[in-house]
PDB file of N, CA and C in Angstrom:
ATOM      1  N   MET A   1      12.640  13.564  33.310  1.00  0.00           N
ATOM      2  CA  MET A   1      13.604  13.434  32.245  1.00  0.00           C
ATOM      3  C   MET A   1      13.281  12.301  31.296  1.00  0.00           C
ATOM      4  N   ALA A   2      12.117  11.703  31.434  1.00  0.00           N
ATOM      5  CA  ALA A   2      11.759  10.597  30.558  1.00  0.00           C
ATOM      6  C   ALA A   2      11.662  11.052  29.107  1.00  0.00           C
ATOM      7  N   GLN A   3      11.281  12.280  28.872  1.00  0.00           N
ATOM      8  CA  GLN A   3      11.163  12.767  27.508  1.00  0.00           C
ATOM      9  C   GLN A   3      12.513  12.920  26.821  1.00  0.00           C
ATOM     10  N   ALA A   4      13.590  12.938  27.587  1.00  0.00           N
ATOM     11  CA  ALA A   4      14.918  13.085  27.000  1.00  0.00           C
ATOM     12  C   ALA A   4      15.391  11.784  26.369  1.00  0.00           C
ATOM     13  N   VAL A   5      14.874  10.662  26.834  1.00  0.00           N
ATOM     14  CA  VAL A   5      15.274   9.361  26.295  1.00  0.00           C
ATOM     15  C   VAL A   5      14.253   8.991  25.232  1.00  0.00           C
ATOM     16  N   ARG A   6      14.696   8.943  24.002  1.00  0.00           N
ATOM     17  CA  ARG A   6      13.812   8.611  22.889  1.00  0.00           C
ATOM     18  C   ARG A   6      14.393   7.456  22.108  1.00  0.00           C
ATOM     19  N   GLU A   7      13.509   6.696  21.520  1.00  0.00           N
ATOM     20  CA  GLU A   7      13.935   5.602  20.665  1.00  0.00           C
ATOM     21  C   GLU A   7      14.425   6.202  19.350  1.00  0.00           C
ATOM     22  N   ARG A   8      15.631   5.844  18.992  1.00  0.00           N
ATOM     23  CA  ARG A   8      16.186   6.342  17.736  1.00  0.00           C
ATOM     24  C   ARG A   8      16.399   5.163  16.804  1.00  0.00           C
ATOM     25  N   GLY A   9      15.699   5.164  15.729  1.00  0.00           N
ATOM     26  CA  GLY A   9      15.801   4.083  14.764  1.00  0.00           C
ATOM     27  C   GLY A   9      14.905   4.381  13.587  1.00  0.00           C
ATOM     28  N   PHE A  10      14.908   3.455  12.632  1.00  0.00           N
ATOM     29  CA  PHE A  10      14.133   3.655  11.417  1.00  0.00           C
ATOM     30  C   PHE A  10      12.642   3.710  11.718  1.00  0.00           C
ATOM     31  N   ARG A  11      12.180   2.784  12.566  1.00  0.00           N
ATOM     32  CA  ARG A  11      10.753   2.750  12.874  1.00  0.00           C
ATOM     33  C   ARG A  11      10.308   4.044  13.556  1.00  0.00           C
ATOM     34  N   SER A  12      11.128   4.552  14.448  1.00  0.00           N
ATOM     35  CA  SER A  12      10.802   5.794  15.136  1.00  0.00           C
ATOM     36  C   SER A  12      10.743   6.960  14.152  1.00  0.00           C
ATOM     37  N   GLN A  13      11.678   7.009  13.223  1.00  0.00           N
ATOM     38  CA  GLN A  13      11.691   8.095  12.248  1.00  0.00           C
ATOM     39  C   GLN A  13      10.501   7.998  11.302  1.00  0.00           C
ATOM     40  N   LEU A  14      10.161   6.772  10.866  1.00  0.00           N
ATOM     41  CA  LEU A  14       9.012   6.602   9.985  1.00  0.00           C
ATOM     42  C   LEU A  14       7.728   6.992  10.704  1.00  0.00           C
ATOM     43  N   GLY A  15       7.620   6.614  11.985  1.00  0.00           N
ATOM     44  CA  GLY A  15       6.454   7.008  12.767  1.00  0.00           C
ATOM     45  C   GLY A  15       6.355   8.512  12.916  1.00  0.00           C
ATOM     46  N   ASN A  16       7.478   9.182  13.064  1.00  0.00           N
ATOM     47  CA  ASN A  16       7.472  10.641  13.167  1.00  0.00           C
ATOM     48  C   ASN A  16       7.043  11.280  11.859  1.00  0.00           C
ATOM     49  N   ILE A  17       7.408  10.674  10.743  1.00  0.00           N
ATOM     50  CA  ILE A  17       7.028  11.221   9.444  1.00  0.00           C
ATOM     51  C   ILE A  17       5.524  11.040   9.212  1.00  0.00           C
ATOM     52  N   LEU A  18       4.999   9.840   9.460  1.00  0.00           N
ATOM     53  CA  LEU A  18       3.580   9.587   9.220  1.00  0.00           C
ATOM     54  C   LEU A  18       2.685  10.260  10.248  1.00  0.00           C
ATOM     55  N   ASN A  19       3.155  10.368  11.476  1.00  0.00           N
ATOM     56  CA  ASN A  19       2.359  10.984  12.541  1.00  0.00           C
ATOM     57  C   ASN A  19       2.771  12.437  12.725  1.00  0.00           C
ATOM     58  N   SER A  20       2.542  13.220  11.710  1.00  0.00           N
ATOM     59  CA  SER A  20       2.994  14.611  11.736  1.00  0.00           C
ATOM     60  C   SER A  20       2.211  15.478  12.711  1.00  0.00           C
ATOM     61  N   ASP A  21       1.091  14.977  13.201  1.00  0.00           N
ATOM     62  CA  ASP A  21       0.336  15.742  14.189  1.00  0.00           C
ATOM     63  C   ASP A  21       0.785  15.461  15.619  1.00  0.00           C
ATOM     64  N   GLY A  22       1.770  14.581  15.795  1.00  0.00           N
ATOM     65  CA  GLY A  22       2.308  14.294  17.116  1.00  0.00           C
ATOM     66  C   GLY A  22       1.573  13.218  17.878  1.00  0.00           C
ATOM     67  N   LYS A  23       0.509  12.677  17.306  1.00  0.00           N
ATOM     68  CA  LYS A  23      -0.260  11.623  17.965  1.00  0.00           C
ATOM     69  C   LYS A  23       0.011  10.295  17.254  1.00  0.00           C
ATOM     70  N   PRO A  24       0.054   9.202  17.991  1.00  0.00           N
ATOM     71  CA  PRO A  24       0.261   7.902  17.343  1.00  0.00           C
ATOM     72  C   PRO A  24      -1.010   7.431  16.630  1.00  0.00           C
ATOM     73  N   HIS A  25      -0.825   6.855  15.466  1.00  0.00           N
ATOM     74  CA  HIS A  25      -1.926   6.305  14.674  1.00  0.00           C
ATOM     75  C   HIS A  25      -1.544   4.903  14.216  1.00  0.00           C
ATOM     76  N   PRO A  26      -1.517   3.913  15.114  1.00  0.00           N
ATOM     77  CA  PRO A  26      -1.036   2.590  14.718  1.00  0.00           C
ATOM     78  C   PRO A  26      -1.918   1.890  13.695  1.00  0.00           C
ATOM     79  N   VAL A  27      -3.219   2.034  13.777  1.00  0.00           N
ATOM     80  CA  VAL A  27      -4.111   1.366  12.827  1.00  0.00           C
ATOM     81  C   VAL A  27      -3.958   1.989  11.446  1.00  0.00           C
ATOM     82  N   GLU A  28      -3.960   3.290  11.392  1.00  0.00           N
ATOM     83  CA  GLU A  28      -3.818   3.974  10.106  1.00  0.00           C
ATOM     84  C   GLU A  28      -2.462   3.678   9.472  1.00  0.00           C
ATOM     85  N   ASN A  29      -1.415   3.669  10.291  1.00  0.00           N
ATOM     86  CA  ASN A  29      -0.079   3.375   9.768  1.00  0.00           C
ATOM     87  C   ASN A  29       0.019   1.938   9.262  1.00  0.00           C
ATOM     88  N   ALA A  30      -0.693   1.021   9.901  1.00  0.00           N
ATOM     89  CA  ALA A  30      -0.704  -0.372   9.426  1.00  0.00           C
ATOM     90  C   ALA A  30      -1.377  -0.475   8.064  1.00  0.00           C
ATOM     91  N   TRP A  31      -2.456   0.273   7.870  1.00  0.00           N
ATOM     92  CA  TRP A  31      -3.111   0.276   6.559  1.00  0.00           C
ATOM     93  C   TRP A  31      -2.208   0.889   5.492  1.00  0.00           C
ATOM     94  N   VAL A  32      -1.473   1.927   5.858  1.00  0.00           N
ATOM     95  CA  VAL A  32      -0.524   2.538   4.921  1.00  0.00           C
ATOM     96  C   VAL A  32       0.538   1.528   4.522  1.00  0.00           C
ATOM     97  N   ALA A  33       1.105   0.839   5.505  1.00  0.00           N
ATOM     98  CA  ALA A  33       2.160  -0.148   5.222  1.00  0.00           C
ATOM     99  C   ALA A  33       1.627  -1.282   4.354  1.00  0.00           C
ATOM    100  N   ALA A  34       0.438  -1.770   4.656  1.00  0.00           N
ATOM    101  CA  ALA A  34      -0.150  -2.854   3.863  1.00  0.00           C
ATOM    102  C   ALA A  34      -0.409  -2.405   2.424  1.00  0.00           C
ATOM    103  N   ALA A  35      -0.948  -1.212   2.259  1.00  0.00           N
ATOM    104  CA  ALA A  35      -1.237  -0.715   0.917  1.00  0.00           C
ATOM    105  C   ALA A  35       0.041  -0.503   0.117  1.00  0.00           C
ATOM    106  N   VAL A  36       1.089  -0.011   0.755  1.00  0.00           N
ATOM    107  CA  VAL A  36       2.359   0.204   0.053  1.00  0.00           C
ATOM    108  C   VAL A  36       2.956  -1.125  -0.392  1.00  0.00           C
ATOM    109  N   VAL A  37       2.955  -2.114   0.486  1.00  0.00           N
ATOM    110  CA  VAL A  37       3.553  -3.417   0.141  1.00  0.00           C
ATOM    111  C   VAL A  37       2.758  -4.102  -0.967  1.00  0.00           C
ATOM    112  N   VAL A  38       1.443  -4.169  -0.832  1.00  0.00           N
ATOM    113  CA  VAL A  38       0.620  -4.843  -1.838  1.00  0.00           C
ATOM    114  C   VAL A  38       0.649  -4.076  -3.157  1.00  0.00           C
ATOM    115  N   GLY A  39       0.652  -2.756  -3.095  1.00  0.00           N
ATOM    116  CA  GLY A  39       0.738  -1.964  -4.322  1.00  0.00           C
ATOM    117  C   GLY A  39       2.053  -2.166  -5.044  1.00  0.00           C
ATOM    118  N   LEU A  40       3.131  -2.264  -4.292  1.00  0.00           N
ATOM    119  CA  LEU A  40       4.441  -2.508  -4.902  1.00  0.00           C
ATOM    120  C   LEU A  40       4.513  -3.890  -5.535  1.00  0.00           C
ATOM    121  N   VAL A  41       3.955  -4.895  -4.854  1.00  0.00           N
ATOM    122  CA  VAL A  41       3.923  -6.251  -5.418  1.00  0.00           C
ATOM    123  C   VAL A  41       3.123  -6.263  -6.710  1.00  0.00           C
ATOM    124  N   ALA A  42       1.966  -5.632  -6.708  1.00  0.00           N
ATOM    125  CA  ALA A  42       1.131  -5.600  -7.912  1.00  0.00           C
ATOM    126  C   ALA A  42       1.824  -4.859  -9.050  1.00  0.00           C
ATOM    127  N   PHE A  43       2.467  -3.752  -8.731  1.00  0.00           N
ATOM    128  CA  PHE A  43       3.143  -2.964  -9.758  1.00  0.00           C
ATOM    129  C   PHE A  43       4.262  -3.761 -10.422  1.00  0.00           C
ATOM    130  N   VAL A  44       5.087  -4.414  -9.623  1.00  0.00           N
ATOM    131  CA  VAL A  44       6.211  -5.178 -10.165  1.00  0.00           C
ATOM    132  C   VAL A  44       5.708  -6.405 -10.926  1.00  0.00           C
ATOM    133  N   ALA A  45       4.737  -7.131 -10.350  1.00  0.00           N
ATOM    134  CA  ALA A  45       4.219  -8.330 -11.006  1.00  0.00           C
ATOM    135  C   ALA A  45       3.489  -7.998 -12.296  1.00  0.00           C
ATOM    136  N   GLY A  46       2.953  -6.799 -12.410  1.00  0.00           N
ATOM    137  CA  GLY A  46       2.231  -6.410 -13.608  1.00  0.00           C
ATOM    138  C   GLY A  46       3.087  -6.360 -14.858  1.00  0.00           C
ATOM    139  N   PHE A  47       4.387  -6.228 -14.709  1.00  0.00           N
ATOM    140  CA  PHE A  47       5.274  -6.156 -15.866  1.00  0.00           C
ATOM    141  C   PHE A  47       5.726  -7.528 -16.359  1.00  0.00           C
ATOM    142  N   PHE A  48       5.270  -8.592 -15.703  1.00  0.00           N
ATOM    143  CA  PHE A  48       5.585  -9.949 -16.125  1.00  0.00           C
ATOM    144  C   PHE A  48       4.284 -10.646 -16.507  1.00  0.00           C
ATOM    145  N   PRO A  49       4.074 -10.913 -17.799  1.00  0.00           N
ATOM    146  CA  PRO A  49       2.793 -11.483 -18.232  1.00  0.00           C
ATOM    147  C   PRO A  49       2.441 -12.807 -17.550  1.00  0.00           C
ATOM    148  N   GLY A  50       3.424 -13.585 -17.189  1.00  0.00           N
ATOM    149  CA  GLY A  50       3.152 -14.857 -16.528  1.00  0.00           C
ATOM    150  C   GLY A  50       2.642 -14.711 -15.107  1.00  0.00           C
ATOM    151  N   LEU A  51       2.782 -13.546 -14.545  1.00  0.00           N
ATOM    152  CA  LEU A  51       2.326 -13.293 -13.177  1.00  0.00           C
ATOM    153  C   LEU A  51       1.023 -12.500 -13.157  1.00  0.00           C
ATOM    154  N   HIS A  52       0.199 -12.671 -14.196  1.00  0.00           N
ATOM    155  CA  HIS A  52      -1.020 -11.869 -14.278  1.00  0.00           C
ATOM    156  C   HIS A  52      -1.992 -12.168 -13.141  1.00  0.00           C
ATOM    157  N   LEU A  53      -2.017 -13.401 -12.650  1.00  0.00           N
ATOM    158  CA  LEU A  53      -2.902 -13.703 -11.521  1.00  0.00           C
ATOM    159  C   LEU A  53      -2.465 -12.947 -10.269  1.00  0.00           C
ATOM    160  N   LEU A  54      -1.170 -12.985  -9.978  1.00  0.00           N
ATOM    161  CA  LEU A  54      -0.649 -12.261  -8.819  1.00  0.00           C
ATOM    162  C   LEU A  54      -0.861 -10.759  -8.978  1.00  0.00           C
ATOM    163  N   ALA A  55      -0.572 -10.231 -10.155  1.00  0.00           N
ATOM    164  CA  ALA A  55      -0.697  -8.791 -10.388  1.00  0.00           C
ATOM    165  C   ALA A  55      -2.147  -8.329 -10.259  1.00  0.00           C
ATOM    166  N   SER A  56      -3.069  -9.074 -10.839  1.00  0.00           N
ATOM    167  CA  SER A  56      -4.464  -8.634 -10.808  1.00  0.00           C
ATOM    168  C   SER A  56      -5.065  -8.753  -9.410  1.00  0.00           C
ATOM    169  N   TRP A  57      -4.795  -9.849  -8.701  1.00  0.00           N
ATOM    170  CA  TRP A  57      -5.347  -9.996  -7.350  1.00  0.00           C
ATOM    171  C   TRP A  57      -4.681  -9.044  -6.363  1.00  0.00           C
ATOM    172  N   ALA A  58      -3.360  -8.924  -6.448  1.00  0.00           N
ATOM    173  CA  ALA A  58      -2.671  -7.983  -5.558  1.00  0.00           C
ATOM    174  C   ALA A  58      -3.094  -6.549  -5.869  1.00  0.00           C
ATOM    175  N   GLY A  59      -3.287  -6.243  -7.134  1.00  0.00           N
ATOM    176  CA  GLY A  59      -3.757  -4.911  -7.510  1.00  0.00           C
ATOM    177  C   GLY A  59      -5.133  -4.610  -6.962  1.00  0.00           C
ATOM    178  N   LEU A  60      -6.028  -5.587  -7.044  1.00  0.00           N
ATOM    179  CA  LEU A  60      -7.372  -5.396  -6.511  1.00  0.00           C
ATOM    180  C   LEU A  60      -7.337  -5.194  -4.997  1.00  0.00           C
ATOM    181  N   LEU A  61      -6.556  -6.023  -4.306  1.00  0.00           N
ATOM    182  CA  LEU A  61      -6.421  -5.863  -2.860  1.00  0.00           C
ATOM    183  C   LEU A  61      -5.755  -4.534  -2.504  1.00  0.00           C
ATOM    184  N   GLY A  62      -4.769  -4.133  -3.289  1.00  0.00           N
ATOM    185  CA  GLY A  62      -4.096  -2.866  -3.047  1.00  0.00           C
ATOM    186  C   GLY A  62      -5.006  -1.668  -3.243  1.00  0.00           C
ATOM    187  N   ILE A  63      -5.844  -1.726  -4.252  1.00  0.00           N
ATOM    188  CA  ILE A  63      -6.797  -0.646  -4.502  1.00  0.00           C
ATOM    189  C   ILE A  63      -7.771  -0.535  -3.330  1.00  0.00           C
ATOM    190  N   LEU A  64      -8.288  -1.679  -2.883  1.00  0.00           N
ATOM    191  CA  LEU A  64      -9.234  -1.662  -1.768  1.00  0.00           C
ATOM    192  C   LEU A  64      -8.575  -1.209  -0.464  1.00  0.00           C
ATOM    193  N   ALA A  65      -7.350  -1.695  -0.208  1.00  0.00           N
ATOM    194  CA  ALA A  65      -6.645  -1.307   1.022  1.00  0.00           C
ATOM    195  C   ALA A  65      -6.324   0.183   1.023  1.00  0.00           C
ATOM    196  N   ALA A  66      -5.877   0.700  -0.101  1.00  0.00           N
ATOM    197  CA  ALA A  66      -5.541   2.123  -0.174  1.00  0.00           C
ATOM    198  C   ALA A  66      -6.800   2.980  -0.077  1.00  0.00           C
ATOM    199  N   ALA A  67      -7.888   2.522  -0.666  1.00  0.00           N
ATOM    200  CA  ALA A  67      -9.136   3.281  -0.581  1.00  0.00           C
ATOM    201  C   ALA A  67      -9.650   3.327   0.863  1.00  0.00           C
ATOM    202  N   TRP A  68      -9.585   2.186   1.553  1.00  0.00           N
ATOM    203  CA  TRP A  68     -10.013   2.189   2.953  1.00  0.00           C
ATOM    204  C   TRP A  68      -9.058   3.020   3.812  1.00  0.00           C
ATOM    205  N   GLY A  69      -7.768   2.933   3.514  1.00  0.00           N
ATOM    206  CA  GLY A  69      -6.800   3.741   4.235  1.00  0.00           C
ATOM    207  C   GLY A  69      -7.060   5.230   4.066  1.00  0.00           C
ATOM    208  N   GLN A  70      -7.497   5.618   2.875  1.00  0.00           N
ATOM    209  CA  GLN A  70      -7.846   7.022   2.642  1.00  0.00           C
ATOM    210  C   GLN A  70      -9.025   7.443   3.511  1.00  0.00           C
ATOM    211  N   MET A  71      -9.968   6.529   3.689  1.00  0.00           N
ATOM    212  CA  MET A  71     -11.153   6.856   4.481  1.00  0.00           C
ATOM    213  C   MET A  71     -10.814   7.084   5.955  1.00  0.00           C
ATOM    214  N   ILE A  72      -9.809   6.348   6.479  1.00  0.00           N
ATOM    215  CA  ILE A  72      -9.513   6.446   7.905  1.00  0.00           C
ATOM    216  C   ILE A  72      -8.229   7.219   8.195  1.00  0.00           C
ATOM    217  N   SER A  73      -7.551   7.708   7.184  1.00  0.00           N
ATOM    218  CA  SER A  73      -6.269   8.388   7.398  1.00  0.00           C
ATOM    219  C   SER A  73      -6.445   9.657   8.221  1.00  0.00           C
ATOM    220  N   ALA A  74      -5.366   9.977   8.953  1.00  0.00           N
ATOM    221  CA  ALA A  74      -5.439  11.123   9.858  1.00  0.00           C
ATOM    222  C   ALA A  74      -4.495  12.256   9.468  1.00  0.00           C
ATOM    223  N   THR A  75      -3.439  11.958   8.717  1.00  0.00           N
ATOM    224  CA  THR A  75      -2.461  12.992   8.389  1.00  0.00           C
ATOM    225  C   THR A  75      -2.232  13.050   6.881  1.00  0.00           C
ATOM    226  N   THR A  76      -1.651  14.137   6.457  1.00  0.00           N
ATOM    227  CA  THR A  76      -1.350  14.323   5.047  1.00  0.00           C
ATOM    228  C   THR A  76      -0.295  13.345   4.556  1.00  0.00           C
ATOM    229  N   ALA A  77       0.675  13.017   5.377  1.00  0.00           N
ATOM    230  CA  ALA A  77       1.716  12.073   4.972  1.00  0.00           C
ATOM    231  C   ALA A  77       1.131  10.691   4.711  1.00  0.00           C
ATOM    232  N   GLU A  78       0.180  10.266   5.522  1.00  0.00           N
ATOM    233  CA  GLU A  78      -0.483   8.984   5.285  1.00  0.00           C
ATOM    234  C   GLU A  78      -1.244   9.025   3.966  1.00  0.00           C
ATOM    235  N   ARG A  79      -1.935  10.104   3.723  1.00  0.00           N
ATOM    236  CA  ARG A  79      -2.708  10.224   2.483  1.00  0.00           C
ATOM    237  C   ARG A  79      -1.806  10.240   1.260  1.00  0.00           C
ATOM    238  N   PHE A  80      -0.655  10.885   1.377  1.00  0.00           N
ATOM    239  CA  PHE A  80       0.291  10.934   0.262  1.00  0.00           C
ATOM    240  C   PHE A  80       0.751   9.529  -0.116  1.00  0.00           C
ATOM    241  N   LEU A  81       1.197   8.751   0.868  1.00  0.00           N
ATOM    242  CA  LEU A  81       1.654   7.392   0.586  1.00  0.00           C
ATOM    243  C   LEU A  81       0.515   6.501   0.090  1.00  0.00           C
ATOM    244  N   LEU A  82      -0.683   6.714   0.602  1.00  0.00           N
ATOM    245  CA  LEU A  82      -1.822   5.920   0.153  1.00  0.00           C
ATOM    246  C   LEU A  82      -2.162   6.196  -1.304  1.00  0.00           C
ATOM    247  N   ILE A  83      -2.078   7.443  -1.732  1.00  0.00           N
ATOM    248  CA  ILE A  83      -2.372   7.761  -3.135  1.00  0.00           C
ATOM    249  C   ILE A  83      -1.309   7.176  -4.058  1.00  0.00           C
ATOM    250  N   ILE A  84      -0.031   7.237  -3.644  1.00  0.00           N
ATOM    251  CA  ILE A  84       1.041   6.645  -4.453  1.00  0.00           C
ATOM    252  C   ILE A  84       0.833   5.137  -4.574  1.00  0.00           C
ATOM    253  N   SER A  85       0.515   4.479  -3.460  1.00  0.00           N
ATOM    254  CA  SER A  85       0.317   3.034  -3.505  1.00  0.00           C
ATOM    255  C   SER A  85      -0.966   2.674  -4.246  1.00  0.00           C
ATOM    256  N   LEU A  86      -1.974   3.527  -4.185  1.00  0.00           N
ATOM    257  CA  LEU A  86      -3.192   3.295  -4.961  1.00  0.00           C
ATOM    258  C   LEU A  86      -2.889   3.329  -6.455  1.00  0.00           C
ATOM    259  N   GLY A  87      -2.097   4.280  -6.875  1.00  0.00           N
ATOM    260  CA  GLY A  87      -1.708   4.342  -8.287  1.00  0.00           C
ATOM    261  C   GLY A  87      -0.886   3.145  -8.717  1.00  0.00           C
ATOM    262  N   ALA A  88       0.057   2.710  -7.887  1.00  0.00           N
ATOM    263  CA  ALA A  88       0.874   1.543  -8.214  1.00  0.00           C
ATOM    264  C   ALA A  88       0.014   0.288  -8.285  1.00  0.00           C
ATOM    265  N   ALA A  89      -0.907   0.127  -7.350  1.00  0.00           N
ATOM    266  CA  ALA A  89      -1.799  -1.031  -7.359  1.00  0.00           C
ATOM    267  C   ALA A  89      -2.705  -1.011  -8.580  1.00  0.00           C
ATOM    268  N   ALA A  90      -3.173   0.164  -8.957  1.00  0.00           N
ATOM    269  CA  ALA A  90      -4.045   0.271 -10.130  1.00  0.00           C
ATOM    270  C   ALA A  90      -3.297  -0.085 -11.412  1.00  0.00           C
ATOM    271  N   VAL A  91      -2.059   0.368 -11.538  1.00  0.00           N
ATOM    272  CA  VAL A  91      -1.260   0.010 -12.720  1.00  0.00           C
ATOM    273  C   VAL A  91      -1.039  -1.494 -12.762  1.00  0.00           C
ATOM    274  N   GLY A  92      -0.679  -2.087 -11.637  1.00  0.00           N
ATOM    275  CA  GLY A  92      -0.503  -3.537 -11.585  1.00  0.00           C
ATOM    276  C   GLY A  92      -1.788  -4.279 -11.900  1.00  0.00           C
ATOM    277  N   PHE A  93      -2.901  -3.787 -11.374  1.00  0.00           N
ATOM    278  CA  PHE A  93      -4.201  -4.407 -11.643  1.00  0.00           C
ATOM    279  C   PHE A  93      -4.537  -4.347 -13.131  1.00  0.00           C
ATOM    280  N   TYR A  94      -4.374  -3.184 -13.730  1.00  0.00           N
ATOM    281  CA  TYR A  94      -4.712  -3.032 -15.150  1.00  0.00           C
ATOM    282  C   TYR A  94      -3.809  -3.879 -16.034  1.00  0.00           C
ATOM    283  N   LEU A  95      -2.516  -3.935 -15.723  1.00  0.00           N
ATOM    284  CA  LEU A  95      -1.612  -4.773 -16.511  1.00  0.00           C
ATOM    285  C   LEU A  95      -1.931  -6.254 -16.318  1.00  0.00           C
ATOM    286  N   GLY A  96      -2.267  -6.646 -15.107  1.00  0.00           N
ATOM    287  CA  GLY A  96      -2.665  -8.027 -14.858  1.00  0.00           C
ATOM    288  C   GLY A  96      -3.943  -8.387 -15.593  1.00  0.00           C
ATOM    289  N   MET A  97      -4.895  -7.473 -15.639  1.00  0.00           N
ATOM    290  CA  MET A  97      -6.138  -7.717 -16.374  1.00  0.00           C
ATOM    291  C   MET A  97      -5.887  -7.807 -17.876  1.00  0.00           C
ATOM    292  N   ALA A  98      -4.970  -6.991 -18.369  1.00  0.00           N
ATOM    293  CA  ALA A  98      -4.671  -7.011 -19.792  1.00  0.00           C
ATOM    294  C   ALA A  98      -3.967  -8.297 -20.215  1.00  0.00           C
ATOM    295  N   ASN A  99      -3.265  -8.928 -19.302  1.00  0.00           N
ATOM    296  CA  ASN A  99      -2.515 -10.139 -19.621  1.00  0.00           C
ATOM    297  C   ASN A  99      -3.235 -11.425 -19.276  1.00  0.00           C
ATOM    298  N   GLY A 100      -4.446 -11.380 -18.794  1.00  0.00           N
ATOM    299  CA  GLY A 100      -5.169 -12.614 -18.519  1.00  0.00           C
ATOM    300  C   GLY A 100      -6.230 -12.491 -17.450  1.00  0.00           C
ATOM    301  N   GLY A 101      -6.149 -11.487 -16.632  1.00  0.00           N
ATOM    302  CA  GLY A 101      -7.206 -11.223 -15.673  1.00  0.00           C
ATOM    303  C   GLY A 101      -7.125 -12.011 -14.391  1.00  0.00           C
ATOM    304  N   LEU A 102      -8.196 -11.918 -13.630  1.00  0.00           N
ATOM    305  CA  LEU A 102      -8.258 -12.534 -12.306  1.00  0.00           C
ATOM    306  C   LEU A 102      -8.353 -14.047 -12.362  1.00  0.00           C
ATOM    307  N   PHE A 103      -8.984 -14.577 -13.403  1.00  0.00           N
ATOM    308  CA  PHE A 103      -9.163 -16.022 -13.513  1.00  0.00           C
ATOM    309  C   PHE A 103      -8.619 -16.556 -14.824  1.00  0.00           C
ATOM    310  N   GLY A 104      -7.734 -15.832 -15.481  1.00  0.00           N
ATOM    311  CA  GLY A 104      -7.212 -16.238 -16.783  1.00  0.00           C
ATOM    312  C   GLY A 104      -6.510 -17.579 -16.740  1.00  0.00           C
ATOM    313  N   GLY A 105      -6.940 -18.488 -17.580  1.00  0.00           N
ATOM    314  CA  GLY A 105      -6.322 -19.806 -17.658  1.00  0.00           C
ATOM    315  C   GLY A 105      -6.903 -20.811 -16.692  1.00  0.00           C
ATOM    316  N   ILE A 106      -7.625 -20.375 -15.684  1.00  0.00           N
ATOM    317  CA  ILE A 106      -8.201 -21.311 -14.714  1.00  0.00           C
ATOM    318  C   ILE A 106      -9.550 -21.822 -15.184  1.00  0.00           C
ATOM    319  N   LEU A 107     -10.386 -20.921 -15.685  1.00  0.00           N
ATOM    320  CA  LEU A 107     -11.745 -21.278 -16.043  1.00  0.00           C
ATOM    321  C   LEU A 107     -11.894 -21.794 -17.471  1.00  0.00           C
ATOM    322  N   GLY A 108     -10.913 -21.604 -18.270  1.00  0.00           N
ATOM    323  CA  GLY A 108     -11.158 -22.052 -19.633  1.00  0.00           C
ATOM    324  C   GLY A 108      -9.936 -22.117 -20.380  1.00  0.00           C
TER     325      GLY A 108
END
């Protein structure tokens, strides 16, 4: 009867959504979570010109994290979230680059 007792909570539901094949993927899910968080930070920071350093660096990290996550992803749900976060990170990166770039104001 061990299968009758299940953890019910947000984390359990999110794991069920990302692990649609029924197998746990903790490493892949960690990359998805990291890419979503960094992509969201880059996207939001990109709309504030004074945060161009944060937007450009977070965008670059988000692009790389989402790209690596795509390489190791196991399910379609993981790939879906990775592509959304890749787009958000790219927008933040481009806006950060347009407002001063990765080293704007530091080198000159």
